[in-house]
Amino acid sequence: MPAISRFTGWLRRQPLACFGLMVLGFIAFGLLTLDLLRVVGANAGLLWNNGWQGLEDGGLRQLLELLATTAAAMAAWLLFKVCETLLVQTFTR
């Protein structure tokens, strides 16, 4: 059995743990996306206005960090959605 199936099976059997993970996923998504759009816009402006100098001044590193933050936020959102789906299925059976 794949690890994902074992994990979702465990979540189906443990609705309180599933709810707790859903809450943690929601909080993590909220914290990771707080001001993300503003910072990405500022980084894009830096790179657009300063070109190569903006890259050398840390713009590229910041852009990569923002992409990593975005990926982590999406993982937290996915955890939230998986737990939500499992809980809805559990309560509507």
PDB file of N, CA and C in Angstrom:
ATOM      1  N   MET A   1       0.841  -1.176   0.000  1.00  0.00           N
ATOM      2  CA  MET A   1       0.000   0.000   0.000  1.00  0.00           C
ATOM      3  C   MET A   1       0.891   1.246   0.000  1.00  0.00           C
ATOM      4  N   PRO A   2       0.627   2.210  -0.884  1.00  0.00           N
ATOM      5  CA  PRO A   2       1.445   3.430  -0.913  1.00  0.00           C
ATOM      6  C   PRO A   2       1.330   4.224   0.386  1.00  0.00           C
ATOM      7  N   ALA A   3       2.364   5.001   0.650  1.00  0.00           N
ATOM      8  CA  ALA A   3       2.412   5.774   1.891  1.00  0.00           C
ATOM      9  C   ALA A   3       1.253   6.756   1.992  1.00  0.00           C
ATOM     10  N   ILE A   4       0.844   7.355   0.869  1.00  0.00           N
ATOM     11  CA  ILE A   4      -0.266   8.317   0.878  1.00  0.00           C
ATOM     12  C   ILE A   4      -1.550   7.617   1.300  1.00  0.00           C
ATOM     13  N   SER A   5      -1.791   6.417   0.786  1.00  0.00           N
ATOM     14  CA  SER A   5      -2.999   5.674   1.149  1.00  0.00           C
ATOM     15  C   SER A   5      -2.991   5.308   2.629  1.00  0.00           C
ATOM     16  N   ARG A   6      -1.834   4.937   3.154  1.00  0.00           N
ATOM     17  CA  ARG A   6      -1.748   4.625   4.588  1.00  0.00           C
ATOM     18  C   ARG A   6      -2.029   5.871   5.416  1.00  0.00           C
ATOM     19  N   PHE A   7      -1.482   7.006   4.963  1.00  0.00           N
ATOM     20  CA  PHE A   7      -1.688   8.261   5.688  1.00  0.00           C
ATOM     21  C   PHE A   7      -3.162   8.663   5.669  1.00  0.00           C
ATOM     22  N   THR A   8      -3.800   8.614   4.511  1.00  0.00           N
ATOM     23  CA  THR A   8      -5.211   8.988   4.449  1.00  0.00           C
ATOM     24  C   THR A   8      -6.077   7.971   5.198  1.00  0.00           C
ATOM     25  N   GLY A   9      -5.690   6.708   5.164  1.00  0.00           N
ATOM     26  CA  GLY A   9      -6.418   5.709   5.950  1.00  0.00           C
ATOM     27  C   GLY A   9      -6.333   6.003   7.430  1.00  0.00           C
ATOM     28  N   TRP A  10      -5.149   6.387   7.896  1.00  0.00           N
ATOM     29  CA  TRP A  10      -4.975   6.746   9.308  1.00  0.00           C
ATOM     30  C   TRP A  10      -5.815   7.972   9.645  1.00  0.00           C
ATOM     31  N   LEU A  11      -5.816   8.970   8.737  1.00  0.00           N
ATOM     32  CA  LEU A  11      -6.617  10.177   8.979  1.00  0.00           C
ATOM     33  C   LEU A  11      -8.105   9.850   9.037  1.00  0.00           C
ATOM     34  N   ARG A  12      -8.561   8.903   8.209  1.00  0.00           N
ATOM     35  CA  ARG A  12      -9.979   8.503   8.240  1.00  0.00           C
ATOM     36  C   ARG A  12     -10.337   7.863   9.588  1.00  0.00           C
ATOM     37  N   ARG A  13      -9.416   7.117  10.165  1.00  0.00           N
ATOM     38  CA  ARG A  13      -9.674   6.455  11.441  1.00  0.00           C
ATOM     39  C   ARG A  13      -9.497   7.391  12.639  1.00  0.00           C
ATOM     40  N   GLN A  14      -8.816   8.503  12.444  1.00  0.00           N
ATOM     41  CA  GLN A  14      -8.530   9.448  13.535  1.00  0.00           C
ATOM     42  C   GLN A  14      -9.088  10.831  13.183  1.00  0.00           C
ATOM     43  N   PRO A  15     -10.402  11.044  13.282  1.00  0.00           N
ATOM     44  CA  PRO A  15     -10.971  12.326  12.853  1.00  0.00           C
ATOM     45  C   PRO A  15     -10.479  13.521  13.675  1.00  0.00           C
ATOM     46  N   LEU A  16     -10.184  13.321  14.944  1.00  0.00           N
ATOM     47  CA  LEU A  16      -9.669  14.448  15.738  1.00  0.00           C
ATOM     48  C   LEU A  16      -8.277  14.858  15.278  1.00  0.00           C
ATOM     49  N   ALA A  17      -7.425  13.871  15.001  1.00  0.00           N
ATOM     50  CA  ALA A  17      -6.091  14.175  14.472  1.00  0.00           C
ATOM     51  C   ALA A  17      -6.202  14.831  13.100  1.00  0.00           C
ATOM     52  N   CYS A  18      -7.146  14.364  12.302  1.00  0.00           N
ATOM     53  CA  CYS A  18      -7.365  14.946  10.981  1.00  0.00           C
ATOM     54  C   CYS A  18      -7.778  16.412  11.124  1.00  0.00           C
ATOM     55  N   PHE A  19      -8.686  16.688  12.062  1.00  0.00           N
ATOM     56  CA  PHE A  19      -9.110  18.066  12.287  1.00  0.00           C
ATOM     57  C   PHE A  19      -7.946  18.929  12.774  1.00  0.00           C
ATOM     58  N   GLY A  20      -7.129  18.372  13.674  1.00  0.00           N
ATOM     59  CA  GLY A  20      -5.962  19.116  14.167  1.00  0.00           C
ATOM     60  C   GLY A  20      -4.984  19.435  13.052  1.00  0.00           C
ATOM     61  N   LEU A  21      -4.731  18.477  12.171  1.00  0.00           N
ATOM     62  CA  LEU A  21      -3.847  18.735  11.029  1.00  0.00           C
ATOM     63  C   LEU A  21      -4.453  19.749  10.075  1.00  0.00           C
ATOM     64  N   MET A  22      -5.770  19.702   9.926  1.00  0.00           N
ATOM     65  CA  MET A  22      -6.439  20.672   9.064  1.00  0.00           C
ATOM     66  C   MET A  22      -6.251  22.085   9.623  1.00  0.00           C
ATOM     67  N   VAL A  23      -6.397  22.230  10.921  1.00  0.00           N
ATOM     68  CA  VAL A  23      -6.197  23.539  11.559  1.00  0.00           C
ATOM     69  C   VAL A  23      -4.753  24.002  11.382  1.00  0.00           C
ATOM     70  N   LEU A  24      -3.801  23.114  11.599  1.00  0.00           N
ATOM     71  CA  LEU A  24      -2.391  23.482  11.424  1.00  0.00           C
ATOM     72  C   LEU A  24      -2.088  23.867   9.977  1.00  0.00           C
ATOM     73  N   GLY A  25      -2.656  23.131   9.029  1.00  0.00           N
ATOM     74  CA  GLY A  25      -2.477  23.475   7.621  1.00  0.00           C
ATOM     75  C   GLY A  25      -3.051  24.837   7.296  1.00  0.00           C
ATOM     76  N   PHE A  26      -4.213  25.141   7.862  1.00  0.00           N
ATOM     77  CA  PHE A  26      -4.845  26.442   7.644  1.00  0.00           C
ATOM     78  C   PHE A  26      -3.988  27.578   8.208  1.00  0.00           C
ATOM     79  N   ILE A  27      -3.485  27.380   9.418  1.00  0.00           N
ATOM     80  CA  ILE A  27      -2.647  28.406  10.051  1.00  0.00           C
ATOM     81  C   ILE A  27      -1.352  28.593   9.265  1.00  0.00           C
ATOM     82  N   ALA A  28      -0.716  27.495   8.871  1.00  0.00           N
ATOM     83  CA  ALA A  28       0.534  27.588   8.112  1.00  0.00           C
ATOM     84  C   ALA A  28       0.307  28.296   6.782  1.00  0.00           C
ATOM     85  N   PHE A  29      -0.788  27.965   6.091  1.00  0.00           N
ATOM     86  CA  PHE A  29      -1.092  28.624   4.822  1.00  0.00           C
ATOM     87  C   PHE A  29      -1.278  30.124   5.033  1.00  0.00           C
ATOM     88  N   GLY A  30      -2.015  30.486   6.075  1.00  0.00           N
ATOM     89  CA  GLY A  30      -2.243  31.903   6.347  1.00  0.00           C
ATOM     90  C   GLY A  30      -0.954  32.649   6.653  1.00  0.00           C
ATOM     91  N   LEU A  31      -0.107  32.059   7.472  1.00  0.00           N
ATOM     92  CA  LEU A  31       1.147  32.728   7.833  1.00  0.00           C
ATOM     93  C   LEU A  31       2.111  32.822   6.646  1.00  0.00           C
ATOM     94  N   LEU A  32       2.153  31.770   5.844  1.00  0.00           N
ATOM     95  CA  LEU A  32       3.080  31.767   4.710  1.00  0.00           C
ATOM     96  C   LEU A  32       2.644  32.703   3.586  1.00  0.00           C
ATOM     97  N   THR A  33       1.350  32.944   3.477  1.00  0.00           N
ATOM     98  CA  THR A  33       0.878  33.810   2.392  1.00  0.00           C
ATOM     99  C   THR A  33       0.689  35.255   2.835  1.00  0.00           C
ATOM    100  N   LEU A  34       0.870  35.533   4.109  1.00  0.00           N
ATOM    101  CA  LEU A  34       0.728  36.888   4.611  1.00  0.00           C
ATOM    102  C   LEU A  34       1.713  37.806   3.896  1.00  0.00           C
ATOM    103  N   ASP A  35       1.233  38.791   3.212  1.00  0.00           N
ATOM    104  CA  ASP A  35       2.027  39.777   2.473  1.00  0.00           C
ATOM    105  C   ASP A  35       2.842  39.180   1.327  1.00  0.00           C
ATOM    106  N   LEU A  36       2.554  37.956   0.927  1.00  0.00           N
ATOM    107  CA  LEU A  36       3.330  37.326  -0.145  1.00  0.00           C
ATOM    108  C   LEU A  36       3.193  38.094  -1.452  1.00  0.00           C
ATOM    109  N   LEU A  37       1.978  38.501  -1.789  1.00  0.00           N
ATOM    110  CA  LEU A  37       1.758  39.228  -3.031  1.00  0.00           C
ATOM    111  C   LEU A  37       2.511  40.559  -3.043  1.00  0.00           C
ATOM    112  N   ARG A  38       2.502  41.261  -1.923  1.00  0.00           N
ATOM    113  CA  ARG A  38       3.211  42.541  -1.835  1.00  0.00           C
ATOM    114  C   ARG A  38       4.712  42.354  -2.009  1.00  0.00           C
ATOM    115  N   VAL A  39       5.273  41.338  -1.366  1.00  0.00           N
ATOM    116  CA  VAL A  39       6.716  41.105  -1.434  1.00  0.00           C
ATOM    117  C   VAL A  39       7.125  40.638  -2.835  1.00  0.00           C
ATOM    118  N   VAL A  40       6.319  39.774  -3.441  1.00  0.00           N
ATOM    119  CA  VAL A  40       6.626  39.335  -4.807  1.00  0.00           C
ATOM    120  C   VAL A  40       6.577  40.527  -5.758  1.00  0.00           C
ATOM    121  N   GLY A  41       5.600  41.407  -5.590  1.00  0.00           N
ATOM    122  CA  GLY A  41       5.508  42.606  -6.428  1.00  0.00           C
ATOM    123  C   GLY A  41       6.712  43.523  -6.241  1.00  0.00           C
ATOM    124  N   ALA A  42       7.150  43.681  -4.998  1.00  0.00           N
ATOM    125  CA  ALA A  42       8.323  44.522  -4.737  1.00  0.00           C
ATOM    126  C   ALA A  42       9.578  43.905  -5.348  1.00  0.00           C
ATOM    127  N   ASN A  43       9.701  42.576  -5.260  1.00  0.00           N
ATOM    128  CA  ASN A  43      10.854  41.890  -5.841  1.00  0.00           C
ATOM    129  C   ASN A  43      10.841  42.019  -7.361  1.00  0.00           C
ATOM    130  N   ALA A  44       9.674  41.856  -7.968  1.00  0.00           N
ATOM    131  CA  ALA A  44       9.564  42.005  -9.423  1.00  0.00           C
ATOM    132  C   ALA A  44       9.919  43.428  -9.839  1.00  0.00           C
ATOM    133  N   GLY A  45       9.487  44.405  -9.053  1.00  0.00           N
ATOM    134  CA  GLY A  45       9.828  45.795  -9.347  1.00  0.00           C
ATOM    135  C   GLY A  45      11.327  46.044  -9.256  1.00  0.00           C
ATOM    136  N   LEU A  46      11.959  45.473  -8.247  1.00  0.00           N
ATOM    137  CA  LEU A  46      13.410  45.603  -8.102  1.00  0.00           C
ATOM    138  C   LEU A  46      14.130  45.024  -9.311  1.00  0.00           C
ATOM    139  N   LEU A  47      13.727  43.814  -9.701  1.00  0.00           N
ATOM    140  CA  LEU A  47      14.383  43.168 -10.838  1.00  0.00           C
ATOM    141  C   LEU A  47      14.095  43.910 -12.146  1.00  0.00           C
ATOM    142  N   TRP A  48      12.885  44.396 -12.315  1.00  0.00           N
ATOM    143  CA  TRP A  48      12.511  45.101 -13.542  1.00  0.00           C
ATOM    144  C   TRP A  48      13.253  46.431 -13.651  1.00  0.00           C
ATOM    145  N   ASN A  49      13.328  47.177 -12.553  1.00  0.00           N
ATOM    146  CA  ASN A  49      13.929  48.508 -12.588  1.00  0.00           C
ATOM    147  C   ASN A  49      15.453  48.484 -12.576  1.00  0.00           C
ATOM    148  N   ASN A  50      16.046  47.469 -11.963  1.00  0.00           N
ATOM    149  CA  ASN A  50      17.494  47.468 -11.796  1.00  0.00           C
ATOM    150  C   ASN A  50      18.217  46.403 -12.606  1.00  0.00           C
ATOM    151  N   GLY A  51      17.491  45.519 -13.244  1.00  0.00           N
ATOM    152  CA  GLY A  51      18.089  44.526 -14.122  1.00  0.00           C
ATOM    153  C   GLY A  51      19.146  43.677 -13.429  1.00  0.00           C
ATOM    154  N   TRP A  52      20.304  43.589 -14.087  1.00  0.00           N
ATOM    155  CA  TRP A  52      21.390  42.744 -13.597  1.00  0.00           C
ATOM    156  C   TRP A  52      21.862  43.164 -12.201  1.00  0.00           C
ATOM    157  N   GLN A  53      21.899  44.458 -11.961  1.00  0.00           N
ATOM    158  CA  GLN A  53      22.318  44.951 -10.645  1.00  0.00           C
ATOM    159  C   GLN A  53      21.353  44.468  -9.557  1.00  0.00           C
ATOM    160  N   GLY A  54      20.059  44.420  -9.873  1.00  0.00           N
ATOM    161  CA  GLY A  54      19.068  43.906  -8.929  1.00  0.00           C
ATOM    162  C   GLY A  54      19.301  42.436  -8.615  1.00  0.00           C
ATOM    163  N   LEU A  55      19.714  41.674  -9.647  1.00  0.00           N
ATOM    164  CA  LEU A  55      20.036  40.268  -9.418  1.00  0.00           C
ATOM    165  C   LEU A  55      21.243  40.130  -8.518  1.00  0.00           C
ATOM    166  N   GLU A  56      22.274  40.926  -8.766  1.00  0.00           N
ATOM    167  CA  GLU A  56      23.492  40.873  -7.959  1.00  0.00           C
ATOM    168  C   GLU A  56      23.265  41.344  -6.525  1.00  0.00           C
ATOM    169  N   ASP A  57      22.309  42.245  -6.339  1.00  0.00           N
ATOM    170  CA  ASP A  57      22.025  42.768  -4.998  1.00  0.00           C
ATOM    171  C   ASP A  57      21.152  41.842  -4.163  1.00  0.00           C
ATOM    172  N   GLY A  58      20.871  40.666  -4.665  1.00  0.00           N
ATOM    173  CA  GLY A  58      20.107  39.692  -3.890  1.00  0.00           C
ATOM    174  C   GLY A  58      18.691  39.471  -4.384  1.00  0.00           C
ATOM    175  N   GLY A  59      18.334  40.078  -5.492  1.00  0.00           N
ATOM    176  CA  GLY A  59      16.989  39.920  -6.020  1.00  0.00           C
ATOM    177  C   GLY A  59      16.682  38.497  -6.447  1.00  0.00           C
ATOM    178  N   LEU A  60      17.655  37.828  -7.039  1.00  0.00           N
ATOM    179  CA  LEU A  60      17.444  36.451  -7.473  1.00  0.00           C
ATOM    180  C   LEU A  60      17.282  35.518  -6.269  1.00  0.00           C
ATOM    181  N   ARG A  61      18.121  35.706  -5.266  1.00  0.00           N
ATOM    182  CA  ARG A  61      18.018  34.874  -4.059  1.00  0.00           C
ATOM    183  C   ARG A  61      16.664  35.078  -3.390  1.00  0.00           C
ATOM    184  N   GLN A  62      16.233  36.329  -3.315  1.00  0.00           N
ATOM    185  CA  GLN A  62      14.941  36.613  -2.710  1.00  0.00           C
ATOM    186  C   GLN A  62      13.809  35.993  -3.531  1.00  0.00           C
ATOM    187  N   LEU A  63      13.916  36.045  -4.850  1.00  0.00           N
ATOM    188  CA  LEU A  63      12.907  35.448  -5.706  1.00  0.00           C
ATOM    189  C   LEU A  63      12.831  33.935  -5.476  1.00  0.00           C
ATOM    190  N   LEU A  64      13.969  33.282  -5.360  1.00  0.00           N
ATOM    191  CA  LEU A  64      13.990  31.844  -5.091  1.00  0.00           C
ATOM    192  C   LEU A  64      13.394  31.523  -3.719  1.00  0.00           C
ATOM    193  N   GLU A  65      13.682  32.351  -2.729  1.00  0.00           N
ATOM    194  CA  GLU A  65      13.096  32.165  -1.404  1.00  0.00           C
ATOM    195  C   GLU A  65      11.582  32.350  -1.447  1.00  0.00           C
ATOM    196  N   LEU A  66      11.125  33.307  -2.229  1.00  0.00           N
ATOM    197  CA  LEU A  66       9.687  33.524  -2.364  1.00  0.00           C
ATOM    198  C   LEU A  66       9.011  32.342  -3.056  1.00  0.00           C
ATOM    199  N   LEU A  67       9.685  31.764  -4.038  1.00  0.00           N
ATOM    200  CA  LEU A  67       9.143  30.578  -4.700  1.00  0.00           C
ATOM    201  C   LEU A  67       9.069  29.396  -3.733  1.00  0.00           C
ATOM    202  N   ALA A  68      10.080  29.252  -2.881  1.00  0.00           N
ATOM    203  CA  ALA A  68      10.057  28.184  -1.875  1.00  0.00           C
ATOM    204  C   ALA A  68       8.929  28.416  -0.864  1.00  0.00           C
ATOM    205  N   THR A  69       8.728  29.660  -0.461  1.00  0.00           N
ATOM    206  CA  THR A  69       7.635  29.990   0.454  1.00  0.00           C
ATOM    207  C   THR A  69       6.293  29.690  -0.187  1.00  0.00           C
ATOM    208  N   THR A  70       6.165  30.007  -1.465  1.00  0.00           N
ATOM    209  CA  THR A  70       4.926  29.726  -2.187  1.00  0.00           C
ATOM    210  C   THR A  70       4.670  28.222  -2.253  1.00  0.00           C
ATOM    211  N   ALA A  71       5.704  27.444  -2.519  1.00  0.00           N
ATOM    212  CA  ALA A  71       5.550  25.983  -2.566  1.00  0.00           C
ATOM    213  C   ALA A  71       5.146  25.432  -1.195  1.00  0.00           C
ATOM    214  N   ALA A  72       5.730  25.959  -0.134  1.00  0.00           N
ATOM    215  CA  ALA A  72       5.371  25.512   1.214  1.00  0.00           C
ATOM    216  C   ALA A  72       3.921  25.896   1.536  1.00  0.00           C
ATOM    217  N   ALA A  73       3.507  27.076   1.116  1.00  0.00           N
ATOM    218  CA  ALA A  73       2.128  27.499   1.336  1.00  0.00           C
ATOM    219  C   ALA A  73       1.154  26.591   0.584  1.00  0.00           C
ATOM    220  N   MET A  74       1.509  26.202  -0.622  1.00  0.00           N
ATOM    221  CA  MET A  74       0.643  25.313  -1.396  1.00  0.00           C
ATOM    222  C   MET A  74       0.579  23.921  -0.756  1.00  0.00           C
ATOM    223  N   ALA A  75       1.689  23.460  -0.185  1.00  0.00           N
ATOM    224  CA  ALA A  75       1.683  22.170   0.519  1.00  0.00           C
ATOM    225  C   ALA A  75       0.767  22.245   1.747  1.00  0.00           C
ATOM    226  N   ALA A  76       0.804  23.362   2.459  1.00  0.00           N
ATOM    227  CA  ALA A  76      -0.067  23.533   3.624  1.00  0.00           C
ATOM    228  C   ALA A  76      -1.526  23.582   3.182  1.00  0.00           C
ATOM    229  N   TRP A  77      -1.804  24.262   2.076  1.00  0.00           N
ATOM    230  CA  TRP A  77      -3.170  24.327   1.551  1.00  0.00           C
ATOM    231  C   TRP A  77      -3.648  22.937   1.134  1.00  0.00           C
ATOM    232  N   LEU A  78      -2.768  22.163   0.502  1.00  0.00           N
ATOM    233  CA  LEU A  78      -3.113  20.806   0.080  1.00  0.00           C
ATOM    234  C   LEU A  78      -3.420  19.925   1.296  1.00  0.00           C
ATOM    235  N   LEU A  79      -2.636  20.040   2.354  1.00  0.00           N
ATOM    236  CA  LEU A  79      -2.911  19.300   3.583  1.00  0.00           C
ATOM    237  C   LEU A  79      -4.283  19.676   4.130  1.00  0.00           C
ATOM    238  N   PHE A  80      -4.576  20.965   4.137  1.00  0.00           N
ATOM    239  CA  PHE A  80      -5.886  21.437   4.593  1.00  0.00           C
ATOM    240  C   PHE A  80      -7.001  20.818   3.761  1.00  0.00           C
ATOM    241  N   LYS A  81      -6.864  20.840   2.430  1.00  0.00           N
ATOM    242  CA  LYS A  81      -7.910  20.333   1.547  1.00  0.00           C
ATOM    243  C   LYS A  81      -8.092  18.820   1.681  1.00  0.00           C
ATOM    244  N   VAL A  82      -6.999  18.080   1.846  1.00  0.00           N
ATOM    245  CA  VAL A  82      -7.104  16.629   2.035  1.00  0.00           C
ATOM    246  C   VAL A  82      -7.868  16.330   3.319  1.00  0.00           C
ATOM    247  N   CYS A  83      -7.493  16.995   4.399  1.00  0.00           N
ATOM    248  CA  CYS A  83      -8.177  16.776   5.672  1.00  0.00           C
ATOM    249  C   CYS A  83      -9.641  17.199   5.586  1.00  0.00           C
ATOM    250  N   GLU A  84      -9.911  18.304   4.931  1.00  0.00           N
ATOM    251  CA  GLU A  84     -11.292  18.769   4.769  1.00  0.00           C
ATOM    252  C   GLU A  84     -12.124  17.728   4.021  1.00  0.00           C
ATOM    253  N   THR A  85     -11.587  17.229   2.921  1.00  0.00           N
ATOM    254  CA  THR A  85     -12.298  16.238   2.122  1.00  0.00           C
ATOM    255  C   THR A  85     -12.591  14.976   2.927  1.00  0.00           C
ATOM    256  N   LEU A  86     -11.580  14.494   3.641  1.00  0.00           N
ATOM    257  CA  LEU A  86     -11.769  13.287   4.450  1.00  0.00           C
ATOM    258  C   LEU A  86     -12.801  13.484   5.558  1.00  0.00           C
ATOM    259  N   LEU A  87     -12.770  14.654   6.197  1.00  0.00           N
ATOM    260  CA  LEU A  87     -13.745  14.914   7.264  1.00  0.00           C
ATOM    261  C   LEU A  87     -15.155  15.050   6.705  1.00  0.00           C
ATOM    262  N   VAL A  88     -15.298  15.710   5.580  1.00  0.00           N
ATOM    263  CA  VAL A  88     -16.630  15.837   4.972  1.00  0.00           C
ATOM    264  C   VAL A  88     -17.162  14.465   4.585  1.00  0.00           C
ATOM    265  N   GLN A  89     -16.303  13.638   4.001  1.00  0.00           N
ATOM    266  CA  GLN A  89     -16.732  12.286   3.655  1.00  0.00           C
ATOM    267  C   GLN A  89     -17.110  11.486   4.893  1.00  0.00           C
ATOM    268  N   THR A  90     -16.367  11.644   5.961  1.00  0.00           N
ATOM    269  CA  THR A  90     -16.657  10.923   7.207  1.00  0.00           C
ATOM    270  C   THR A  90     -17.994  11.354   7.797  1.00  0.00           C
ATOM    271  N   PHE A  91     -18.254  12.655   7.809  1.00  0.00           N
ATOM    272  CA  PHE A  91     -19.474  13.163   8.446  1.00  0.00           C
ATOM    273  C   PHE A  91     -20.710  13.010   7.584  1.00  0.00           C
ATOM    274  N   THR A  92     -20.551  12.826   6.282  1.00  0.00           N
ATOM    275  CA  THR A  92     -21.727  12.705   5.412  1.00  0.00           C
ATOM    276  C   THR A  92     -22.075  11.270   5.090  1.00  0.00           C
ATOM    277  N   ARG A  93     -21.353  10.322   5.611  1.00  0.00           N
ATOM    278  CA  ARG A  93     -21.687   8.895   5.380  1.00  0.00           C
ATOM    279  C   ARG A  93     -22.832   8.480   6.253  1.00  0.00           C
TER     280      ARG A  93
END
